[in-house]
């Protein structure tokens, strides 16, 4: 199968094209084979190269459109270009590039997002990191020595991911009095976002922590976990 369409036509209606591509991949399932089948169709039609080239177009509108479609297609060849767009002078281009990288996923995406974690909006990086990173990526990032802001971003990503497998490590970080307060607070929040009942007892123990900020964060976390458990039991 080949596509009888020009890249300029796709870029002119990028939002609709991206939605159709995303819907096609969702219907096809999460397997790599389904994704390869879709991207191979664009490659055989001679569209992939032009789509990637659009990310370097002088017109920011074209760069935005290209990023939306490349992100929806999860094109590996587009990742370095999308990463460069994270430093684009146009804020709208940067915002779309972050979302597109989250869709693309993979280790290179994780590295690109973390390299700019101290410069880009924290919540947006955390959101896309939660989509792009594997369980192993998150585990390694939590164990790395990085800036407090970068570590907080990873903790937010774990919480957004609802990753119960990380609960023991998050609890350990929340309890570690050698960690910066902001990291410990972020760990408490991540445990609360995950809602794992196993984290409730740990948060209760932190209710007597010498740091008042940690005590308050732990109490809020425990209340949120309890509320989540009640909702599940209904």
Protein backbone atom coordinates (compact mmCIF):
# COMPACT_ATOMS: atom_id res chain seq x y z
CA UNK A 1 0.00 0.00 0.00
CA UNK A 2 1.22 3.50 -0.87
CA UNK A 3 -0.27 6.88 -0.13
CA UNK A 4 -1.20 9.18 -2.99
CA UNK A 5 -0.80 12.43 -1.09
CA UNK A 6 1.72 15.26 -0.96
CA UNK A 7 3.52 16.30 2.21
CA UNK A 8 2.31 19.87 1.74
CA UNK A 9 -1.28 18.61 1.85
CA UNK A 10 -0.61 16.68 5.05
CA UNK A 11 1.10 19.62 6.71
CA UNK A 12 -1.78 21.89 5.79
CA UNK A 13 -4.14 19.73 7.86
CA UNK A 14 -1.67 18.37 10.40
CA UNK A 15 -4.09 18.13 13.32
CA UNK A 16 -6.52 15.89 11.45
CA UNK A 17 -3.73 13.80 9.93
CA UNK A 18 -2.10 13.27 13.32
CA UNK A 19 -5.43 12.21 14.85
CA UNK A 20 -6.04 9.66 12.09
CA UNK A 21 -2.53 8.23 12.46
CA UNK A 22 -2.83 7.97 16.25
CA UNK A 23 -6.23 6.30 15.95
CA UNK A 24 -4.83 3.81 13.42
CA UNK A 25 -1.98 2.86 15.72
CA UNK A 26 -4.32 2.47 18.69
CA UNK A 27 -6.60 0.16 16.73
CA UNK A 28 -3.61 -1.84 15.53
CA UNK A 29 -2.46 -2.49 19.11
CA UNK A 30 0.66 -1.72 21.08
CA UNK A 31 3.01 -4.10 19.28
CA UNK A 32 6.01 -2.85 17.33
CA UNK A 33 4.88 -4.73 14.21
CA UNK A 34 1.76 -2.58 13.91
CA UNK A 35 3.77 0.62 14.20
CA UNK A 36 6.30 -0.57 11.63
CA UNK A 37 3.53 -1.38 9.19
CA UNK A 38 2.17 2.17 9.40
CA UNK A 39 5.55 3.90 9.21
CA UNK A 40 6.66 1.65 6.35
CA UNK A 41 3.63 2.82 4.37
CA UNK A 42 4.84 6.41 4.70
CA UNK A 43 8.40 5.37 3.84
CA UNK A 44 7.38 3.54 0.67
CA UNK A 45 5.29 6.53 -0.36
CA UNK A 46 8.38 8.75 -0.10
CA UNK A 47 6.81 10.86 2.64
CA UNK A 48 8.99 10.09 5.65
CA UNK A 49 12.03 12.05 4.44
CA UNK A 50 9.95 15.09 3.57
CA UNK A 51 8.18 14.97 6.94
CA UNK A 52 11.49 14.87 8.80
CA UNK A 53 12.84 17.69 6.61
CA UNK A 54 9.81 19.81 7.54
CA UNK A 55 11.15 19.97 11.09
CA UNK A 56 13.95 22.21 9.83
CA UNK A 57 11.72 24.51 7.78
CA UNK A 58 12.21 28.28 8.33
CA UNK A 59 8.45 28.69 8.87
CA UNK A 60 7.53 27.87 12.50
CA UNK A 61 4.04 26.86 11.35
CA UNK A 62 5.56 24.16 9.15
CA UNK A 63 7.81 22.99 11.98
CA UNK A 64 4.80 22.70 14.27
CA UNK A 65 2.78 20.77 11.69
CA UNK A 66 5.70 18.47 10.94
CA UNK A 67 6.30 17.80 14.63
CA UNK A 68 2.67 16.84 15.16
CA UNK A 69 2.70 14.31 12.34
CA UNK A 70 6.16 12.91 13.13
CA UNK A 71 5.13 12.49 16.74
CA UNK A 72 1.94 10.69 15.80
CA UNK A 73 3.94 8.38 13.53
CA UNK A 74 6.56 7.83 16.25
CA UNK A 75 9.29 8.14 13.64
CA UNK A 76 12.69 7.14 15.10
CA UNK A 77 14.50 9.19 12.43
CA UNK A 78 12.65 12.30 13.57
CA UNK A 79 13.77 12.09 17.21
CA UNK A 80 17.09 14.03 16.81
CA UNK A 81 15.26 16.77 14.92
CA UNK A 82 12.46 16.93 17.48
CA UNK A 83 15.07 17.11 20.22
CA UNK A 84 16.64 20.12 18.49
CA UNK A 85 13.21 21.78 18.43
CA UNK A 86 13.20 21.74 22.24
CA UNK A 87 15.65 24.66 21.89
CA UNK A 88 13.61 26.43 19.20
CA UNK A 89 13.20 30.20 19.72
CA UNK A 90 9.44 29.85 19.17
CA UNK A 91 7.58 28.75 22.35
CA UNK A 92 4.78 27.10 20.35
CA UNK A 93 7.31 24.98 18.47
CA UNK A 94 8.95 23.90 21.73
CA UNK A 95 5.61 22.91 23.23
CA UNK A 96 4.63 20.74 20.26
CA UNK A 97 8.11 19.20 20.15
CA UNK A 98 7.83 18.08 23.79
CA UNK A 99 4.50 16.36 23.10
CA UNK A 100 5.79 14.78 19.90
CA UNK A 101 8.80 13.32 21.70
CA UNK A 102 6.52 11.86 24.36
CA UNK A 103 4.59 10.08 21.63
CA UNK A 104 7.75 8.83 19.94
CA UNK A 105 9.19 7.32 23.13
CA UNK A 106 12.46 5.47 23.59
CA UNK A 107 15.80 5.97 25.27
CA UNK A 108 16.92 8.83 23.01
CA UNK A 109 13.75 10.73 23.85
CA UNK A 110 14.35 10.22 27.58
CA UNK A 111 17.89 11.55 27.20
CA UNK A 112 16.70 14.60 25.24
CA UNK A 113 14.02 15.46 27.80
CA UNK A 114 16.31 14.99 30.80
CA UNK A 115 19.08 17.05 29.18
CA UNK A 116 16.66 20.00 29.24
CA UNK A 117 14.77 19.17 32.44
CA UNK A 118 16.19 22.28 34.14
CA UNK A 119 15.06 24.59 31.33
CA UNK A 120 11.68 23.34 30.09
CA UNK A 121 8.37 23.57 32.02
CA UNK A 122 8.63 20.88 34.69
CA UNK A 123 5.12 19.45 34.46
CA UNK A 124 5.30 19.12 30.67
CA UNK A 125 8.61 17.29 30.82
CA UNK A 126 7.27 14.98 33.55
CA UNK A 127 4.12 14.25 31.57
CA UNK A 128 5.97 13.31 28.40
CA UNK A 129 8.63 11.43 30.33
CA UNK A 130 5.88 9.31 31.88
CA UNK A 131 4.82 8.35 28.36
CA UNK A 132 8.23 7.95 26.76
CA UNK A 133 10.28 6.18 29.44
CA UNK A 134 10.36 2.46 30.12
CA UNK A 135 10.23 1.05 33.65
CA UNK A 136 13.99 0.49 33.46
CA UNK A 137 14.55 4.09 32.34
CA UNK A 138 12.64 5.45 35.33
CA UNK A 139 14.48 3.16 37.73
CA UNK A 140 17.87 4.27 36.39
CA UNK A 141 16.91 7.95 36.45
CA UNK A 142 15.81 7.73 40.07
CA UNK A 143 19.14 6.20 41.05
CA UNK A 144 21.25 8.73 39.13
CA UNK A 145 22.83 11.76 40.74
CA UNK A 146 21.14 14.71 39.05
CA UNK A 147 19.96 18.18 39.95
CA UNK A 148 17.12 18.37 42.50
CA UNK A 149 14.81 19.80 39.82
CA UNK A 150 15.55 16.91 37.44
CA UNK A 151 14.98 14.36 40.20
CA UNK A 152 11.67 15.99 41.13
CA UNK A 153 10.67 15.82 37.47
CA UNK A 154 11.35 12.07 37.37
CA UNK A 155 9.37 11.58 40.58
CA UNK A 156 6.45 13.45 39.02
CA UNK A 157 6.68 11.18 35.99
CA UNK A 158 6.51 8.10 38.23
CA UNK A 159 3.42 9.49 39.90
CA UNK A 160 1.73 10.34 36.61
CA UNK A 161 2.57 6.86 35.35
CA UNK A 162 0.89 5.27 38.39
CA UNK A 163 3.92 3.03 38.62
CA UNK A 164 3.35 0.87 41.73
CA UNK A 165 6.59 -1.04 41.06
CA UNK A 166 8.51 2.11 42.01
CA UNK A 167 6.69 2.52 45.35
CA UNK A 168 9.47 0.93 47.52
CA UNK A 169 12.13 3.18 45.99
CA UNK A 170 9.91 6.26 46.27
CA UNK A 171 9.23 5.49 49.93
CA UNK A 172 12.95 5.09 50.55
CA UNK A 173 13.61 8.51 48.98
CA UNK A 174 10.83 10.10 51.02
CA UNK A 175 12.34 8.71 54.22
CA UNK A 176 15.94 9.63 53.39
CA UNK A 177 16.85 12.61 55.56
CA UNK A 178 20.01 13.12 53.50
CA UNK A 179 17.88 14.10 50.50
CA UNK A 180 16.81 17.67 49.82
CA UNK A 181 13.39 18.54 51.23
CA UNK A 182 11.94 19.21 47.79
CA UNK A 183 12.92 15.70 46.65
CA UNK A 184 11.41 14.09 49.74
CA UNK A 185 8.19 16.07 49.27
CA UNK A 186 8.04 15.09 45.60
CA UNK A 187 8.52 11.44 46.58
CA UNK A 188 5.58 11.69 49.00
CA UNK A 189 3.43 13.23 46.26
CA UNK A 190 4.43 10.52 43.79
CA UNK A 191 3.47 7.81 46.29
CA UNK A 192 0.12 9.55 46.76
CA UNK A 193 -0.48 9.80 43.00
CA UNK A 194 0.24 6.10 42.57
CA UNK A 195 -2.17 5.26 45.38
CA UNK A 196 -0.48 2.00 46.30
CA UNK A 197 -1.79 0.86 49.72
CA UNK A 198 1.75 -0.27 50.54
CA UNK A 199 2.76 3.38 50.71
CA UNK A 200 0.18 4.32 53.35
CA UNK A 201 2.10 2.88 56.32
CA UNK A 202 5.31 4.57 55.22
CA UNK A 203 3.50 7.91 54.99
CA UNK A 204 2.06 7.35 58.46
CA UNK A 205 5.58 6.85 59.84
CA UNK A 206 6.69 10.11 58.23
CA UNK A 207 4.00 11.89 60.21
CA UNK A 208 6.60 12.21 63.01
CA UNK A 209 9.47 13.41 60.80
CA UNK A 210 11.49 16.33 62.27
CA UNK A 211 10.86 18.36 59.10
CA UNK A 212 7.44 20.00 59.26
CA UNK A 213 7.25 20.24 55.47
CA UNK A 214 7.76 16.48 55.18
CA UNK A 215 5.19 15.80 57.90
CA UNK A 216 2.57 17.84 56.04
CA UNK A 217 3.41 16.20 52.71
CA UNK A 218 3.19 12.73 54.27
CA UNK A 219 -0.18 13.47 55.90
CA UNK A 220 -1.61 14.73 52.60
CA UNK A 221 -0.21 11.68 50.81
CA UNK A 222 -1.74 9.27 53.31
CA UNK A 223 -5.12 11.00 53.06
CA UNK A 224 -5.01 10.76 49.27
CA UNK A 225 -4.09 7.07 49.36
CA UNK A 226 -6.91 6.38 51.83
CA UNK A 227 -9.40 8.21 49.61
CA UNK A 228 -8.18 6.22 46.61
CA UNK A 229 -8.61 2.94 48.50
CA UNK A 230 -12.16 3.89 49.49
CA UNK A 231 -13.07 4.66 45.89
CA UNK A 232 -11.73 1.30 44.75
CA UNK A 233 -13.76 -0.55 47.38
CA UNK A 234 -17.04 1.04 46.30
